[in-house]
Amino acid sequence: MDDVIIPVAFFLILAGAVVAVAYFQSLRNRERDRQWADAMEQYRVVVERARTEQEATKLQLVEMSHQVKALEKLLLSVD
Protein backbone atom coordinates (compact mmCIF):
# COMPACT_ATOMS: atom_id res chain seq x y z
CA MET A 1 0.00 0.00 0.00
CA ASP A 2 2.87 2.38 0.80
CA ASP A 3 4.30 1.77 -2.67
CA VAL A 4 1.15 3.26 -4.27
CA ILE A 5 0.86 6.45 -2.21
CA ILE A 6 4.02 8.16 -3.50
CA PRO A 7 3.33 7.68 -7.26
CA VAL A 8 -0.32 8.69 -6.83
CA ALA A 9 0.66 11.79 -4.84
CA PHE A 10 3.29 12.64 -7.48
CA PHE A 11 0.77 12.39 -10.33
CA LEU A 12 -1.83 14.40 -8.38
CA ILE A 13 0.69 17.16 -7.73
CA LEU A 14 1.79 17.05 -11.37
CA ALA A 15 -1.83 17.23 -12.57
CA GLY A 16 -2.49 20.15 -10.22
CA ALA A 17 0.55 21.99 -11.56
CA VAL A 18 -0.56 21.40 -15.16
CA VAL A 19 -4.06 22.66 -14.39
CA ALA A 20 -2.68 25.74 -12.60
CA VAL A 21 -0.37 26.61 -15.50
CA ALA A 22 -3.18 26.14 -18.02
CA TYR A 23 -5.51 28.30 -15.91
CA PHE A 24 -3.04 31.20 -15.66
CA GLN A 25 -2.19 30.99 -19.35
CA SER A 26 -5.90 31.11 -20.10
CA LEU A 27 -6.26 34.24 -17.97
CA ARG A 28 -3.32 35.85 -19.75
CA ASN A 29 -4.74 34.95 -23.17
CA ARG A 30 -8.15 36.34 -22.21
CA GLU A 31 -6.58 39.63 -21.14
CA ARG A 32 -4.59 39.81 -24.37
CA ASP A 33 -7.77 39.10 -26.35
CA ARG A 34 -9.59 41.87 -24.44
CA GLN A 35 -6.80 44.32 -25.24
CA TRP A 36 -6.88 43.30 -28.89
CA ALA A 37 -10.66 43.74 -29.02
CA ASP A 38 -10.35 47.21 -27.46
CA ALA A 39 -7.69 48.16 -30.01
CA MET A 40 -9.88 46.93 -32.87
CA GLU A 41 -12.84 48.91 -31.51
CA GLN A 42 -10.72 52.06 -31.38
CA TYR A 43 -9.53 51.34 -34.93
CA ARG A 44 -13.14 50.93 -36.07
CA VAL A 45 -14.06 54.29 -34.51
CA VAL A 46 -11.12 56.01 -36.20
CA VAL A 47 -11.98 54.46 -39.57
CA GLU A 48 -15.62 55.53 -39.22
CA ARG A 49 -14.56 59.09 -38.35
CA ALA A 50 -12.17 59.16 -41.33
CA ARG A 51 -14.94 57.90 -43.62
CA THR A 52 -17.30 60.61 -42.39
CA GLU A 53 -14.67 63.30 -42.89
CA GLN A 54 -13.88 61.95 -46.34
CA GLU A 55 -17.55 62.12 -47.36
CA ALA A 56 -17.79 65.70 -46.04
CA THR A 57 -14.67 66.66 -48.00
CA LYS A 58 -16.08 65.03 -51.12
CA LEU A 59 -19.30 67.01 -50.77
CA GLN A 60 -17.30 70.22 -50.36
CA LEU A 61 -15.31 69.42 -53.50
CA VAL A 62 -18.50 68.82 -55.48
CA GLU A 63 -19.95 72.09 -54.22
CA MET A 64 -16.75 73.97 -55.09
CA SER A 65 -16.73 72.37 -58.53
CA HIS A 66 -20.24 73.67 -59.16
CA GLN A 67 -19.20 77.13 -57.98
CA VAL A 68 -16.15 77.11 -60.26
CA LYS A 69 -18.30 76.06 -63.20
CA ALA A 70 -20.77 78.84 -62.41
CA LEU A 71 -17.95 81.38 -62.14
CA GLU A 72 -16.42 80.10 -65.37
CA LYS A 73 -19.79 80.46 -67.10
CA LEU A 74 -20.12 83.99 -65.72
CA LEU A 75 -16.65 84.94 -66.94
CA LEU A 76 -17.35 83.51 -70.38
CA SER A 77 -20.59 85.47 -70.61
CA VAL A 78 -18.76 88.73 -69.84
CA ASP A 79 -16.49 88.34 -72.84
C-alpha atoms as a PDB file:
ATOM      1  CA  MET A   1       0.000   0.000   0.000  1.00  0.00           C
ATOM      2  CA  ASP A   2       2.867   2.380   0.799  1.00  0.00           C
ATOM      3  CA  ASP A   3       4.298   1.769  -2.666  1.00  0.00           C
ATOM      4  CA  VAL A   4       1.153   3.258  -4.267  1.00  0.00           C
ATOM      5  CA  ILE A   5       0.857   6.454  -2.215  1.00  0.00           C
ATOM      6  CA  ILE A   6       4.024   8.155  -3.504  1.00  0.00           C
ATOM      7  CA  PRO A   7       3.332   7.679  -7.261  1.00  0.00           C
ATOM      8  CA  VAL A   8      -0.324   8.690  -6.827  1.00  0.00           C
ATOM      9  CA  ALA A   9       0.661  11.791  -4.840  1.00  0.00           C
ATOM     10  CA  PHE A  10       3.291  12.641  -7.478  1.00  0.00           C
ATOM     11  CA  PHE A  11       0.774  12.393 -10.326  1.00  0.00           C
ATOM     12  CA  LEU A  12      -1.835  14.395  -8.383  1.00  0.00           C
ATOM     13  CA  ILE A  13       0.694  17.163  -7.731  1.00  0.00           C
ATOM     14  CA  LEU A  14       1.791  17.049 -11.369  1.00  0.00           C
ATOM     15  CA  ALA A  15      -1.827  17.230 -12.572  1.00  0.00           C
ATOM     16  CA  GLY A  16      -2.494  20.152 -10.220  1.00  0.00           C
ATOM     17  CA  ALA A  17       0.546  21.986 -11.565  1.00  0.00           C
ATOM     18  CA  VAL A  18      -0.558  21.402 -15.164  1.00  0.00           C
ATOM     19  CA  VAL A  19      -4.058  22.660 -14.387  1.00  0.00           C
ATOM     20  CA  ALA A  20      -2.682  25.739 -12.596  1.00  0.00           C
ATOM     21  CA  VAL A  21      -0.371  26.607 -15.502  1.00  0.00           C
ATOM     22  CA  ALA A  22      -3.179  26.141 -18.018  1.00  0.00           C
ATOM     23  CA  TYR A  23      -5.507  28.305 -15.915  1.00  0.00           C
ATOM     24  CA  PHE A  24      -3.041  31.197 -15.661  1.00  0.00           C
ATOM     25  CA  GLN A  25      -2.187  30.991 -19.351  1.00  0.00           C
ATOM     26  CA  SER A  26      -5.898  31.112 -20.100  1.00  0.00           C
ATOM     27  CA  LEU A  27      -6.257  34.241 -17.970  1.00  0.00           C
ATOM     28  CA  ARG A  28      -3.319  35.850 -19.748  1.00  0.00           C
ATOM     29  CA  ASN A  29      -4.738  34.945 -23.167  1.00  0.00           C
ATOM     30  CA  ARG A  30      -8.149  36.340 -22.209  1.00  0.00           C
ATOM     31  CA  GLU A  31      -6.576  39.629 -21.138  1.00  0.00           C
ATOM     32  CA  ARG A  32      -4.593  39.812 -24.374  1.00  0.00           C
ATOM     33  CA  ASP A  33      -7.771  39.101 -26.351  1.00  0.00           C
ATOM     34  CA  ARG A  34      -9.585  41.868 -24.444  1.00  0.00           C
ATOM     35  CA  GLN A  35      -6.801  44.322 -25.236  1.00  0.00           C
ATOM     36  CA  TRP A  36      -6.878  43.295 -28.889  1.00  0.00           C
ATOM     37  CA  ALA A  37     -10.664  43.743 -29.018  1.00  0.00           C
ATOM     38  CA  ASP A  38     -10.353  47.210 -27.457  1.00  0.00           C
ATOM     39  CA  ALA A  39      -7.692  48.158 -30.008  1.00  0.00           C
ATOM     40  CA  MET A  40      -9.881  46.934 -32.870  1.00  0.00           C
ATOM     41  CA  GLU A  41     -12.844  48.915 -31.505  1.00  0.00           C
ATOM     42  CA  GLN A  42     -10.722  52.064 -31.381  1.00  0.00           C
ATOM     43  CA  TYR A  43      -9.532  51.342 -34.926  1.00  0.00           C
ATOM     44  CA  ARG A  44     -13.139  50.934 -36.075  1.00  0.00           C
ATOM     45  CA  VAL A  45     -14.062  54.290 -34.506  1.00  0.00           C
ATOM     46  CA  VAL A  46     -11.119  56.011 -36.203  1.00  0.00           C
ATOM     47  CA  VAL A  47     -11.981  54.462 -39.565  1.00  0.00           C
ATOM     48  CA  GLU A  48     -15.624  55.529 -39.216  1.00  0.00           C
ATOM     49  CA  ARG A  49     -14.561  59.091 -38.351  1.00  0.00           C
ATOM     50  CA  ALA A  50     -12.172  59.155 -41.335  1.00  0.00           C
ATOM     51  CA  ARG A  51     -14.937  57.896 -43.623  1.00  0.00           C
ATOM     52  CA  THR A  52     -17.302  60.611 -42.393  1.00  0.00           C
ATOM     53  CA  GLU A  53     -14.668  63.304 -42.890  1.00  0.00           C
ATOM     54  CA  GLN A  54     -13.882  61.945 -46.341  1.00  0.00           C
ATOM     55  CA  GLU A  55     -17.547  62.121 -47.358  1.00  0.00           C
ATOM     56  CA  ALA A  56     -17.789  65.698 -46.040  1.00  0.00           C
ATOM     57  CA  THR A  57     -14.673  66.661 -47.997  1.00  0.00           C
ATOM     58  CA  LYS A  58     -16.076  65.030 -51.117  1.00  0.00           C
ATOM     59  CA  LEU A  59     -19.301  67.005 -50.774  1.00  0.00           C
ATOM     60  CA  GLN A  60     -17.301  70.224 -50.365  1.00  0.00           C
ATOM     61  CA  LEU A  61     -15.312  69.417 -53.500  1.00  0.00           C
ATOM     62  CA  VAL A  62     -18.499  68.816 -55.484  1.00  0.00           C
ATOM     63  CA  GLU A  63     -19.949  72.092 -54.221  1.00  0.00           C
ATOM     64  CA  MET A  64     -16.753  73.968 -55.090  1.00  0.00           C
ATOM     65  CA  SER A  65     -16.727  72.368 -58.528  1.00  0.00           C
ATOM     66  CA  HIS A  66     -20.239  73.671 -59.165  1.00  0.00           C
ATOM     67  CA  GLN A  67     -19.201  77.126 -57.979  1.00  0.00           C
ATOM     68  CA  VAL A  68     -16.146  77.113 -60.258  1.00  0.00           C
ATOM     69  CA  LYS A  69     -18.303  76.061 -63.201  1.00  0.00           C
ATOM     70  CA  ALA A  70     -20.773  78.845 -62.414  1.00  0.00           C
ATOM     71  CA  LEU A  71     -17.945  81.379 -62.144  1.00  0.00           C
ATOM     72  CA  GLU A  72     -16.419  80.101 -65.373  1.00  0.00           C
ATOM     73  CA  LYS A  73     -19.788  80.456 -67.100  1.00  0.00           C
ATOM     74  CA  LEU A  74     -20.116  83.988 -65.718  1.00  0.00           C
ATOM     75  CA  LEU A  75     -16.647  84.940 -66.942  1.00  0.00           C
ATOM     76  CA  LEU A  76     -17.348  83.514 -70.379  1.00  0.00           C
ATOM     77  CA  SER A  77     -20.590  85.465 -70.607  1.00  0.00           C
ATOM     78  CA  VAL A  78     -18.760  88.735 -69.841  1.00  0.00           C
ATOM     79  CA  ASP A  79     -16.495  88.345 -72.838  1.00  0.00           C
END
